[in-house]
Amino acid sequence: MGIILLLVGVSLFTGIWTDRKCRILTAEAQAVREAFESGRTEDARRYAHKLSSDWEDVRKKAALFVKYDKLLELDRIAAHFEPMAESGDDEILPQIAEFIHMTELLAVSD
């Protein structure tokens, strides 16, 4: 009985943690998009750096309890944020949209 309660507790904790972190990442991605769309490229670059850094921290911890394939695609997308923001590449907007979508899916799936 104790093991079952422990597993349920761990499952609840990881679900809450994942949801919370995904909400934060989504808000940061939206800040990058808004800064880029309004022409504030320096802000977009700074926000993209923070988003990439925060994603790296989340990915390392989430790898313990989230399927790797779910993280791999998000990792691929996030790797391009900083270079795109620094160069002013408009392709960052669909990448941000895809990242937000996949982050929201991750939040509800785990």
PDB file of N, CA and C in Angstrom:
ATOM      1  N   MET A   1       0.824  -1.206   0.000  1.00  0.00           N
ATOM      2  CA  MET A   1       0.000   0.000   0.000  1.00  0.00           C
ATOM      3  C   MET A   1       0.864   1.265   0.000  1.00  0.00           C
ATOM      4  N   GLY A   2       1.953   1.220   0.761  1.00  0.00           N
ATOM      5  CA  GLY A   2       2.851   2.371   0.835  1.00  0.00           C
ATOM      6  C   GLY A   2       3.492   2.692  -0.499  1.00  0.00           C
ATOM      7  N   ILE A   3       3.839   1.636  -1.242  1.00  0.00           N
ATOM      8  CA  ILE A   3       4.465   1.843  -2.554  1.00  0.00           C
ATOM      9  C   ILE A   3       3.483   2.486  -3.524  1.00  0.00           C
ATOM     10  N   ILE A   4       2.240   2.064  -3.469  1.00  0.00           N
ATOM     11  CA  ILE A   4       1.216   2.645  -4.349  1.00  0.00           C
ATOM     12  C   ILE A   4       1.020   4.121  -4.026  1.00  0.00           C
ATOM     13  N   LEU A   5       0.970   4.447  -2.749  1.00  0.00           N
ATOM     14  CA  LEU A   5       0.812   5.853  -2.360  1.00  0.00           C
ATOM     15  C   LEU A   5       2.025   6.675  -2.802  1.00  0.00           C
ATOM     16  N   LEU A   6       3.203   6.096  -2.695  1.00  0.00           N
ATOM     17  CA  LEU A   6       4.411   6.786  -3.143  1.00  0.00           C
ATOM     18  C   LEU A   6       4.356   7.038  -4.649  1.00  0.00           C
ATOM     19  N   LEU A   7       3.960   6.042  -5.417  1.00  0.00           N
ATOM     20  CA  LEU A   7       3.863   6.197  -6.867  1.00  0.00           C
ATOM     21  C   LEU A   7       2.827   7.247  -7.255  1.00  0.00           C
ATOM     22  N   VAL A   8       1.700   7.238  -6.571  1.00  0.00           N
ATOM     23  CA  VAL A   8       0.660   8.237  -6.840  1.00  0.00           C
ATOM     24  C   VAL A   8       1.183   9.632  -6.507  1.00  0.00           C
ATOM     25  N   GLY A   9       1.879   9.752  -5.386  1.00  0.00           N
ATOM     26  CA  GLY A   9       2.442  11.038  -4.989  1.00  0.00           C
ATOM     27  C   GLY A   9       3.463  11.553  -5.992  1.00  0.00           C
ATOM     28  N   VAL A  10       4.346  10.674  -6.434  1.00  0.00           N
ATOM     29  CA  VAL A  10       5.352  11.060  -7.426  1.00  0.00           C
ATOM     30  C   VAL A  10       4.675  11.463  -8.729  1.00  0.00           C
ATOM     31  N   SER A  11       3.669  10.711  -9.133  1.00  0.00           N
ATOM     32  CA  SER A  11       2.953  11.018 -10.365  1.00  0.00           C
ATOM     33  C   SER A  11       2.277  12.392 -10.280  1.00  0.00           C
ATOM     34  N   LEU A  12       1.645  12.671  -9.164  1.00  0.00           N
ATOM     35  CA  LEU A  12       1.003  13.977  -8.984  1.00  0.00           C
ATOM     36  C   LEU A  12       2.032  15.100  -8.999  1.00  0.00           C
ATOM     37  N   PHE A  13       3.128  14.901  -8.298  1.00  0.00           N
ATOM     38  CA  PHE A  13       4.165  15.930  -8.247  1.00  0.00           C
ATOM     39  C   PHE A  13       4.723  16.213  -9.634  1.00  0.00           C
ATOM     40  N   THR A  14       5.068  15.159 -10.378  1.00  0.00           N
ATOM     41  CA  THR A  14       5.651  15.369 -11.706  1.00  0.00           C
ATOM     42  C   THR A  14       4.652  16.025 -12.659  1.00  0.00           C
ATOM     43  N   GLY A  15       3.383  15.668 -12.536  1.00  0.00           N
ATOM     44  CA  GLY A  15       2.359  16.302 -13.373  1.00  0.00           C
ATOM     45  C   GLY A  15       2.214  17.782 -13.080  1.00  0.00           C
ATOM     46  N   ILE A  16       2.202  18.128 -11.803  1.00  0.00           N
ATOM     47  CA  ILE A  16       2.088  19.536 -11.408  1.00  0.00           C
ATOM     48  C   ILE A  16       3.336  20.303 -11.818  1.00  0.00           C
ATOM     49  N   TRP A  17       4.504  19.700 -11.602  1.00  0.00           N
ATOM     50  CA  TRP A  17       5.765  20.346 -11.961  1.00  0.00           C
ATOM     51  C   TRP A  17       5.821  20.601 -13.470  1.00  0.00           C
ATOM     52  N   THR A  18       5.465  19.589 -14.255  1.00  0.00           N
ATOM     53  CA  THR A  18       5.499  19.722 -15.713  1.00  0.00           C
ATOM     54  C   THR A  18       4.549  20.818 -16.177  1.00  0.00           C
ATOM     55  N   ASP A  19       3.349  20.833 -15.638  1.00  0.00           N
ATOM     56  CA  ASP A  19       2.373  21.860 -16.016  1.00  0.00           C
ATOM     57  C   ASP A  19       2.888  23.253 -15.683  1.00  0.00           C
ATOM     58  N   ARG A  20       3.439  23.418 -14.510  1.00  0.00           N
ATOM     59  CA  ARG A  20       3.945  24.726 -14.081  1.00  0.00           C
ATOM     60  C   ARG A  20       5.088  25.191 -14.975  1.00  0.00           C
ATOM     61  N   LYS A  21       6.038  24.309 -15.236  1.00  0.00           N
ATOM     62  CA  LYS A  21       7.187  24.678 -16.067  1.00  0.00           C
ATOM     63  C   LYS A  21       6.762  24.967 -17.506  1.00  0.00           C
ATOM     64  N   CYS A  22       5.808  24.210 -18.021  1.00  0.00           N
ATOM     65  CA  CYS A  22       5.327  24.446 -19.384  1.00  0.00           C
ATOM     66  C   CYS A  22       4.628  25.795 -19.492  1.00  0.00           C
ATOM     67  N   ARG A  23       3.894  26.178 -18.469  1.00  0.00           N
ATOM     68  CA  ARG A  23       3.248  27.497 -18.476  1.00  0.00           C
ATOM     69  C   ARG A  23       4.288  28.618 -18.503  1.00  0.00           C
ATOM     70  N   ILE A  24       5.349  28.449 -17.730  1.00  0.00           N
ATOM     71  CA  ILE A  24       6.420  29.452 -17.700  1.00  0.00           C
ATOM     72  C   ILE A  24       7.098  29.540 -19.066  1.00  0.00           C
ATOM     73  N   LEU A  25       7.419  28.386 -19.654  1.00  0.00           N
ATOM     74  CA  LEU A  25       8.062  28.376 -20.970  1.00  0.00           C
ATOM     75  C   LEU A  25       7.168  28.998 -22.033  1.00  0.00           C
ATOM     76  N   THR A  26       5.871  28.724 -21.957  1.00  0.00           N
ATOM     77  CA  THR A  26       4.926  29.304 -22.915  1.00  0.00           C
ATOM     78  C   THR A  26       4.900  30.823 -22.790  1.00  0.00           C
ATOM     79  N   ALA A  27       4.866  31.322 -21.565  1.00  0.00           N
ATOM     80  CA  ALA A  27       4.864  32.773 -21.354  1.00  0.00           C
ATOM     81  C   ALA A  27       6.146  33.403 -21.876  1.00  0.00           C
ATOM     82  N   GLU A  28       7.274  32.739 -21.659  1.00  0.00           N
ATOM     83  CA  GLU A  28       8.550  33.270 -22.166  1.00  0.00           C
ATOM     84  C   GLU A  28       8.583  33.266 -23.694  1.00  0.00           C
ATOM     85  N   ALA A  29       8.061  32.211 -24.301  1.00  0.00           N
ATOM     86  CA  ALA A  29       8.024  32.137 -25.767  1.00  0.00           C
ATOM     87  C   ALA A  29       7.122  33.233 -26.330  1.00  0.00           C
ATOM     88  N   GLN A  30       6.018  33.504 -25.661  1.00  0.00           N
ATOM     89  CA  GLN A  30       5.131  34.575 -26.110  1.00  0.00           C
ATOM     90  C   GLN A  30       5.809  35.934 -25.991  1.00  0.00           C
ATOM     91  N   ALA A  31       6.640  36.110 -24.963  1.00  0.00           N
ATOM     92  CA  ALA A  31       7.382  37.370 -24.807  1.00  0.00           C
ATOM     93  C   ALA A  31       8.376  37.550 -25.950  1.00  0.00           C
ATOM     94  N   VAL A  32       9.031  36.466 -26.363  1.00  0.00           N
ATOM     95  CA  VAL A  32       9.950  36.538 -27.510  1.00  0.00           C
ATOM     96  C   VAL A  32       9.174  36.946 -28.751  1.00  0.00           C
ATOM     97  N   ARG A  33       8.042  36.287 -28.982  1.00  0.00           N
ATOM     98  CA  ARG A  33       7.238  36.586 -30.173  1.00  0.00           C
ATOM     99  C   ARG A  33       6.774  38.039 -30.186  1.00  0.00           C
ATOM    100  N   GLU A  34       6.256  38.512 -29.054  1.00  0.00           N
ATOM    101  CA  GLU A  34       5.757  39.886 -28.981  1.00  0.00           C
ATOM    102  C   GLU A  34       6.869  40.903 -29.203  1.00  0.00           C
ATOM    103  N   ALA A  35       8.038  40.652 -28.616  1.00  0.00           N
ATOM    104  CA  ALA A  35       9.167  41.575 -28.800  1.00  0.00           C
ATOM    105  C   ALA A  35       9.619  41.577 -30.253  1.00  0.00           C
ATOM    106  N   PHE A  36       9.687  40.410 -30.860  1.00  0.00           N
ATOM    107  CA  PHE A  36      10.121  40.312 -32.255  1.00  0.00           C
ATOM    108  C   PHE A  36       9.121  40.991 -33.186  1.00  0.00           C
ATOM    109  N   GLU A  37       7.830  40.745 -32.948  1.00  0.00           N
ATOM    110  CA  GLU A  37       6.793  41.335 -33.807  1.00  0.00           C
ATOM    111  C   GLU A  37       6.744  42.855 -33.696  1.00  0.00           C
ATOM    112  N   SER A  38       7.085  43.381 -32.516  1.00  0.00           N
ATOM    113  CA  SER A  38       7.035  44.837 -32.346  1.00  0.00           C
ATOM    114  C   SER A  38       8.358  45.514 -32.701  1.00  0.00           C
ATOM    115  N   GLY A  39       9.315  44.743 -33.209  1.00  0.00           N
ATOM    116  CA  GLY A  39      10.568  45.327 -33.670  1.00  0.00           C
ATOM    117  C   GLY A  39      11.600  45.562 -32.583  1.00  0.00           C
ATOM    118  N   ARG A  40      11.357  45.071 -31.399  1.00  0.00           N
ATOM    119  CA  ARG A  40      12.317  45.224 -30.293  1.00  0.00           C
ATOM    120  C   ARG A  40      13.288  44.033 -30.341  1.00  0.00           C
ATOM    121  N   THR A  41      14.211  44.089 -31.284  1.00  0.00           N
ATOM    122  CA  THR A  41      15.083  42.947 -31.535  1.00  0.00           C
ATOM    123  C   THR A  41      16.025  42.654 -30.374  1.00  0.00           C
ATOM    124  N   GLU A  42      16.480  43.690 -29.694  1.00  0.00           N
ATOM    125  CA  GLU A  42      17.367  43.463 -28.543  1.00  0.00           C
ATOM    126  C   GLU A  42      16.613  42.739 -27.427  1.00  0.00           C
ATOM    127  N   ASP A  43      15.377  43.152 -27.178  1.00  0.00           N
ATOM    128  CA  ASP A  43      14.553  42.456 -26.179  1.00  0.00           C
ATOM    129  C   ASP A  43      14.276  41.019 -26.615  1.00  0.00           C
ATOM    130  N   ALA A  44      13.976  40.847 -27.892  1.00  0.00           N
ATOM    131  CA  ALA A  44      13.705  39.498 -28.412  1.00  0.00           C
ATOM    132  C   ALA A  44      14.921  38.608 -28.234  1.00  0.00           C
ATOM    133  N   ARG A  45      16.096  39.147 -28.492  1.00  0.00           N
ATOM    134  CA  ARG A  45      17.327  38.382 -28.329  1.00  0.00           C
ATOM    135  C   ARG A  45      17.539  37.986 -26.865  1.00  0.00           C
ATOM    136  N   ARG A  46      17.326  38.941 -25.964  1.00  0.00           N
ATOM    137  CA  ARG A  46      17.483  38.681 -24.530  1.00  0.00           C
ATOM    138  C   ARG A  46      16.462  37.646 -24.050  1.00  0.00           C
ATOM    139  N   TYR A  47      15.208  37.804 -24.480  1.00  0.00           N
ATOM    140  CA  TYR A  47      14.159  36.845 -24.090  1.00  0.00           C
ATOM    141  C   TYR A  47      14.437  35.458 -24.668  1.00  0.00           C
ATOM    142  N   ALA A  48      14.944  35.420 -25.896  1.00  0.00           N
ATOM    143  CA  ALA A  48      15.265  34.133 -26.519  1.00  0.00           C
ATOM    144  C   ALA A  48      16.382  33.429 -25.762  1.00  0.00           C
ATOM    145  N   HIS A  49      17.349  34.196 -25.292  1.00  0.00           N
ATOM    146  CA  HIS A  49      18.436  33.609 -24.499  1.00  0.00           C
ATOM    147  C   HIS A  49      17.881  33.017 -23.201  1.00  0.00           C
ATOM    148  N   LYS A  50      17.016  33.758 -22.535  1.00  0.00           N
ATOM    149  CA  LYS A  50      16.423  33.267 -21.286  1.00  0.00           C
ATOM    150  C   LYS A  50      15.562  32.030 -21.548  1.00  0.00           C
ATOM    151  N   LEU A  51      14.788  32.058 -22.612  1.00  0.00           N
ATOM    152  CA  LEU A  51      13.947  30.917 -22.962  1.00  0.00           C
ATOM    153  C   LEU A  51      14.806  29.683 -23.232  1.00  0.00           C
ATOM    154  N   SER A  52      15.869  29.840 -23.993  1.00  0.00           N
ATOM    155  CA  SER A  52      16.748  28.707 -24.286  1.00  0.00           C
ATOM    156  C   SER A  52      17.383  28.157 -23.020  1.00  0.00           C
ATOM    157  N   SER A  53      17.818  29.039 -22.156  1.00  0.00           N
ATOM    158  CA  SER A  53      18.442  28.629 -20.902  1.00  0.00           C
ATOM    159  C   SER A  53      17.438  27.908 -19.994  1.00  0.00           C
ATOM    160  N   ASP A  54      16.241  28.484 -19.873  1.00  0.00           N
ATOM    161  CA  ASP A  54      15.214  27.857 -19.037  1.00  0.00           C
ATOM    162  C   ASP A  54      14.771  26.518 -19.613  1.00  0.00           C
ATOM    163  N   TRP A  55      14.671  26.437 -20.944  1.00  0.00           N
ATOM    164  CA  TRP A  55      14.308  25.171 -21.571  1.00  0.00           C
ATOM    165  C   TRP A  55      15.350  24.097 -21.250  1.00  0.00           C
ATOM    166  N   GLU A  56      16.608  24.462 -21.319  1.00  0.00           N
ATOM    167  CA  GLU A  56      17.682  23.504 -21.029  1.00  0.00           C
ATOM    168  C   GLU A  56      17.557  22.963 -19.604  1.00  0.00           C
ATOM    169  N   ASP A  57      17.264  23.843 -18.653  1.00  0.00           N
ATOM    170  CA  ASP A  57      17.080  23.411 -17.262  1.00  0.00           C
ATOM    171  C   ASP A  57      15.879  22.478 -17.118  1.00  0.00           C
ATOM    172  N   VAL A  58      14.777  22.837 -17.751  1.00  0.00           N
ATOM    173  CA  VAL A  58      13.564  22.011 -17.683  1.00  0.00           C
ATOM    174  C   VAL A  58      13.806  20.661 -18.346  1.00  0.00           C
ATOM    175  N   ARG A  59      14.448  20.676 -19.510  1.00  0.00           N
ATOM    176  CA  ARG A  59      14.687  19.432 -20.243  1.00  0.00           C
ATOM    177  C   ARG A  59      15.505  18.447 -19.432  1.00  0.00           C
ATOM    178  N   LYS A  60      16.533  18.933 -18.772  1.00  0.00           N
ATOM    179  CA  LYS A  60      17.388  18.051 -17.971  1.00  0.00           C
ATOM    180  C   LYS A  60      16.600  17.342 -16.877  1.00  0.00           C
ATOM    181  N   LYS A  61      15.727  18.062 -16.220  1.00  0.00           N
ATOM    182  CA  LYS A  61      14.935  17.467 -15.139  1.00  0.00           C
ATOM    183  C   LYS A  61      13.787  16.628 -15.687  1.00  0.00           C
ATOM    184  N   ALA A  62      13.144  17.110 -16.725  1.00  0.00           N
ATOM    185  CA  ALA A  62      12.001  16.401 -17.289  1.00  0.00           C
ATOM    186  C   ALA A  62      12.412  15.077 -17.916  1.00  0.00           C
ATOM    187  N   ALA A  63      13.649  14.961 -18.337  1.00  0.00           N
ATOM    188  CA  ALA A  63      14.128  13.720 -18.959  1.00  0.00           C
ATOM    189  C   ALA A  63      14.024  12.535 -18.012  1.00  0.00           C
ATOM    190  N   LEU A  64      13.899  12.805 -16.731  1.00  0.00           N
ATOM    191  CA  LEU A  64      13.769  11.731 -15.744  1.00  0.00           C
ATOM    192  C   LEU A  64      12.390  11.076 -15.770  1.00  0.00           C
ATOM    193  N   PHE A  65      11.373  11.821 -16.207  1.00  0.00           N
ATOM    194  CA  PHE A  65      10.019  11.272 -16.128  1.00  0.00           C
ATOM    195  C   PHE A  65       9.142  11.550 -17.341  1.00  0.00           C
ATOM    196  N   VAL A  66       9.678  12.140 -18.390  1.00  0.00           N
ATOM    197  CA  VAL A  66       8.924  12.388 -19.617  1.00  0.00           C
ATOM    198  C   VAL A  66       9.601  11.608 -20.734  1.00  0.00           C
ATOM    199  N   LYS A  67       8.805  11.034 -21.614  1.00  0.00           N
ATOM    200  CA  LYS A  67       9.368  10.277 -22.737  1.00  0.00           C
ATOM    201  C   LYS A  67      10.307  11.159 -23.546  1.00  0.00           C
ATOM    202  N   TYR A  68      11.438  10.588 -23.900  1.00  0.00           N
ATOM    203  CA  TYR A  68      12.490  11.323 -24.586  1.00  0.00           C
ATOM    204  C   TYR A  68      12.039  11.905 -25.918  1.00  0.00           C
ATOM    205  N   ASP A  69      11.215  11.182 -26.658  1.00  0.00           N
ATOM    206  CA  ASP A  69      10.795  11.677 -27.975  1.00  0.00           C
ATOM    207  C   ASP A  69       9.986  12.962 -27.871  1.00  0.00           C
ATOM    208  N   LYS A  70       9.259  13.139 -26.761  1.00  0.00           N
ATOM    209  CA  LYS A  70       8.505  14.379 -26.576  1.00  0.00           C
ATOM    210  C   LYS A  70       9.444  15.561 -26.361  1.00  0.00           C
ATOM    211  N   LEU A  71      10.557  15.301 -25.692  1.00  0.00           N
ATOM    212  CA  LEU A  71      11.515  16.363 -25.413  1.00  0.00           C
ATOM    213  C   LEU A  71      12.416  16.660 -26.605  1.00  0.00           C
ATOM    214  N   LEU A  72      12.671  15.656 -27.409  1.00  0.00           N
ATOM    215  CA  LEU A  72      13.604  15.791 -28.519  1.00  0.00           C
ATOM    216  C   LEU A  72      13.153  16.846 -29.531  1.00  0.00           C
ATOM    217  N   GLU A  73      11.891  16.833 -29.899  1.00  0.00           N
ATOM    218  CA  GLU A  73      11.388  17.802 -30.877  1.00  0.00           C
ATOM    219  C   GLU A  73      11.427  19.223 -30.301  1.00  0.00           C
ATOM    220  N   LEU A  74      11.035  19.367 -29.042  1.00  0.00           N
ATOM    221  CA  LEU A  74      11.115  20.679 -28.403  1.00  0.00           C
ATOM    222  C   LEU A  74      12.565  21.156 -28.331  1.00  0.00           C
ATOM    223  N   ASP A  75      13.465  20.242 -28.064  1.00  0.00           N
ATOM    224  CA  ASP A  75      14.885  20.576 -27.989  1.00  0.00           C
ATOM    225  C   ASP A  75      15.400  21.061 -29.341  1.00  0.00           C
ATOM    226  N   ARG A  76      14.978  20.395 -30.406  1.00  0.00           N
ATOM    227  CA  ARG A  76      15.380  20.773 -31.756  1.00  0.00           C
ATOM    228  C   ARG A  76      14.918  22.197 -32.087  1.00  0.00           C
ATOM    229  N   ILE A  77      13.694  22.513 -31.718  1.00  0.00           N
ATOM    230  CA  ILE A  77      13.139  23.837 -31.999  1.00  0.00           C
ATOM    231  C   ILE A  77      13.853  24.906 -31.161  1.00  0.00           C
ATOM    232  N   ALA A  78      14.015  24.636 -29.872  1.00  0.00           N
ATOM    233  CA  ALA A  78      14.605  25.627 -28.963  1.00  0.00           C
ATOM    234  C   ALA A  78      16.053  25.948 -29.318  1.00  0.00           C
ATOM    235  N   ALA A  79      16.743  25.018 -29.939  1.00  0.00           N
ATOM    236  CA  ALA A  79      18.145  25.248 -30.301  1.00  0.00           C
ATOM    237  C   ALA A  79      18.310  26.393 -31.295  1.00  0.00           C
ATOM    238  N   HIS A  80      17.264  26.752 -32.006  1.00  0.00           N
ATOM    239  CA  HIS A  80      17.353  27.787 -33.042  1.00  0.00           C
ATOM    240  C   HIS A  80      16.924  29.175 -32.561  1.00  0.00           C
ATOM    241  N   PHE A  81      16.371  29.278 -31.370  1.00  0.00           N
ATOM    242  CA  PHE A  81      15.827  30.558 -30.924  1.00  0.00           C
ATOM    243  C   PHE A  81      16.869  31.668 -30.874  1.00  0.00           C
ATOM    244  N   GLU A  82      17.968  31.430 -30.203  1.00  0.00           N
ATOM    245  CA  GLU A  82      18.973  32.490 -30.059  1.00  0.00           C
ATOM    246  C   GLU A  82      19.564  32.931 -31.397  1.00  0.00           C
ATOM    247  N   PRO A  83      20.030  31.996 -32.244  1.00  0.00           N
ATOM    248  CA  PRO A  83      20.579  32.444 -33.529  1.00  0.00           C
ATOM    249  C   PRO A  83      19.562  33.201 -34.386  1.00  0.00           C
ATOM    250  N   MET A  84      18.318  32.753 -34.386  1.00  0.00           N
ATOM    251  CA  MET A  84      17.291  33.426 -35.184  1.00  0.00           C
ATOM    252  C   MET A  84      16.991  34.816 -34.642  1.00  0.00           C
ATOM    253  N   ALA A  85      16.929  34.939 -33.315  1.00  0.00           N
ATOM    254  CA  ALA A  85      16.651  36.248 -32.714  1.00  0.00           C
ATOM    255  C   ALA A  85      17.799  37.209 -32.977  1.00  0.00           C
ATOM    256  N   GLU A  86      19.023  36.722 -32.904  1.00  0.00           N
ATOM    257  CA  GLU A  86      20.182  37.588 -33.138  1.00  0.00           C
ATOM    258  C   GLU A  86      20.261  38.058 -34.579  1.00  0.00           C
ATOM    259  N   SER A  87      19.881  37.204 -35.512  1.00  0.00           N
ATOM    260  CA  SER A  87      19.960  37.582 -36.926  1.00  0.00           C
ATOM    261  C   SER A  87      18.699  38.283 -37.426  1.00  0.00           C
ATOM    262  N   GLY A  88      17.661  38.322 -36.596  1.00  0.00           N
ATOM    263  CA  GLY A  88      16.413  38.955 -37.014  1.00  0.00           C
ATOM    264  C   GLY A  88      15.630  38.129 -38.011  1.00  0.00           C
ATOM    265  N   ASP A  89      15.832  36.828 -37.991  1.00  0.00           N
ATOM    266  CA  ASP A  89      15.187  35.907 -38.930  1.00  0.00           C
ATOM    267  C   ASP A  89      13.691  35.774 -38.619  1.00  0.00           C
ATOM    268  N   ASP A  90      12.840  36.093 -39.608  1.00  0.00           N
ATOM    269  CA  ASP A  90      11.382  35.999 -39.430  1.00  0.00           C
ATOM    270  C   ASP A  90      10.908  34.564 -39.195  1.00  0.00           C
ATOM    271  N   GLU A  91      11.730  33.600 -39.514  1.00  0.00           N
ATOM    272  CA  GLU A  91      11.364  32.200 -39.320  1.00  0.00           C
ATOM    273  C   GLU A  91      11.206  31.857 -37.841  1.00  0.00           C
ATOM    274  N   ILE A  92      11.661  32.757 -36.972  1.00  0.00           N
ATOM    275  CA  ILE A  92      11.510  32.510 -35.538  1.00  0.00           C
ATOM    276  C   ILE A  92      10.032  32.474 -35.129  1.00  0.00           C
ATOM    277  N   LEU A  93       9.195  33.217 -35.836  1.00  0.00           N
ATOM    278  CA  LEU A  93       7.776  33.288 -35.445  1.00  0.00           C
ATOM    279  C   LEU A  93       7.071  31.940 -35.569  1.00  0.00           C
ATOM    280  N   PRO A  94       7.179  31.218 -36.692  1.00  0.00           N
ATOM    281  CA  PRO A  94       6.547  29.892 -36.722  1.00  0.00           C
ATOM    282  C   PRO A  94       7.227  28.903 -35.767  1.00  0.00           C
ATOM    283  N   GLN A  95       8.523  29.076 -35.533  1.00  0.00           N
ATOM    284  CA  GLN A  95       9.218  28.206 -34.585  1.00  0.00           C
ATOM    285  C   GLN A  95       8.683  28.424 -33.165  1.00  0.00           C
ATOM    286  N   ILE A  96       8.468  29.679 -32.819  1.00  0.00           N
ATOM    287  CA  ILE A  96       7.901  30.005 -31.500  1.00  0.00           C
ATOM    288  C   ILE A  96       6.494  29.439 -31.389  1.00  0.00           C
ATOM    289  N   ALA A  97       5.700  29.595 -32.435  1.00  0.00           N
ATOM    290  CA  ALA A  97       4.329  29.073 -32.414  1.00  0.00           C
ATOM    291  C   ALA A  97       4.337  27.558 -32.229  1.00  0.00           C
ATOM    292  N   GLU A  98       5.236  26.878 -32.922  1.00  0.00           N
ATOM    293  CA  GLU A  98       5.322  25.420 -32.789  1.00  0.00           C
ATOM    294  C   GLU A  98       5.783  25.031 -31.383  1.00  0.00           C
ATOM    295  N   PHE A  99       6.739  25.766 -30.836  1.00  0.00           N
ATOM    296  CA  PHE A  99       7.225  25.496 -29.488  1.00  0.00           C
ATOM    297  C   PHE A  99       6.097  25.663 -28.470  1.00  0.00           C
ATOM    298  N   ILE A 100       5.328  26.733 -28.605  1.00  0.00           N
ATOM    299  CA  ILE A 100       4.208  26.974 -27.692  1.00  0.00           C
ATOM    300  C   ILE A 100       3.206  25.835 -27.790  1.00  0.00           C
ATOM    301  N   HIS A 101       2.854  25.459 -28.999  1.00  0.00           N
ATOM    302  CA  HIS A 101       1.891  24.366 -29.204  1.00  0.00           C
ATOM    303  C   HIS A 101       2.381  23.074 -28.566  1.00  0.00           C
ATOM    304  N   MET A 102       3.625  22.719 -28.823  1.00  0.00           N
ATOM    305  CA  MET A 102       4.157  21.463 -28.299  1.00  0.00           C
ATOM    306  C   MET A 102       4.329  21.508 -26.778  1.00  0.00           C
ATOM    307  N   THR A 103       4.653  22.670 -26.240  1.00  0.00           N
ATOM    308  CA  THR A 103       4.757  22.819 -24.791  1.00  0.00           C
ATOM    309  C   THR A 103       3.402  22.650 -24.140  1.00  0.00           C
ATOM    310  N   GLU A 104       2.372  23.212 -24.758  1.00  0.00           N
ATOM    311  CA  GLU A 104       1.015  23.046 -24.223  1.00  0.00           C
ATOM    312  C   GLU A 104       0.586  21.580 -24.279  1.00  0.00           C
ATOM    313  N   LEU A 105       0.938  20.881 -25.342  1.00  0.00           N
ATOM    314  CA  LEU A 105       0.630  19.453 -25.433  1.00  0.00           C
ATOM    315  C   LEU A 105       1.364  18.652 -24.363  1.00  0.00           C
ATOM    316  N   LEU A 106       2.596  18.997 -24.117  1.00  0.00           N
ATOM    317  CA  LEU A 106       3.379  18.326 -23.084  1.00  0.00           C
ATOM    318  C   LEU A 106       2.747  18.537 -21.707  1.00  0.00           C
ATOM    319  N   ALA A 107       2.255  19.735 -21.465  1.00  0.00           N
ATOM    320  CA  ALA A 107       1.655  20.043 -20.166  1.00  0.00           C
ATOM    321  C   ALA A 107       0.413  19.214 -19.899  1.00  0.00           C
ATOM    322  N   VAL A 108      -0.386  18.949 -20.923  1.00  0.00           N
ATOM    323  CA  VAL A 108      -1.622  18.204 -20.694  1.00  0.00           C
ATOM    324  C   VAL A 108      -1.428  16.688 -20.811  1.00  0.00           C
ATOM    325  N   SER A 109      -0.308  16.276 -21.417  1.00  0.00           N
ATOM    326  CA  SER A 109      -0.116  14.835 -21.619  1.00  0.00           C
ATOM    327  C   SER A 109       0.548  14.172 -20.429  1.00  0.00           C
ATOM    328  N   ASP A 110       1.292  14.920 -19.634  1.00  0.00           N
ATOM    329  CA  ASP A 110       2.006  14.285 -18.521  1.00  0.00           C
ATOM    330  C   ASP A 110       1.505  14.736 -17.198  1.00  0.00           C
TER     331      ASP A 110
END
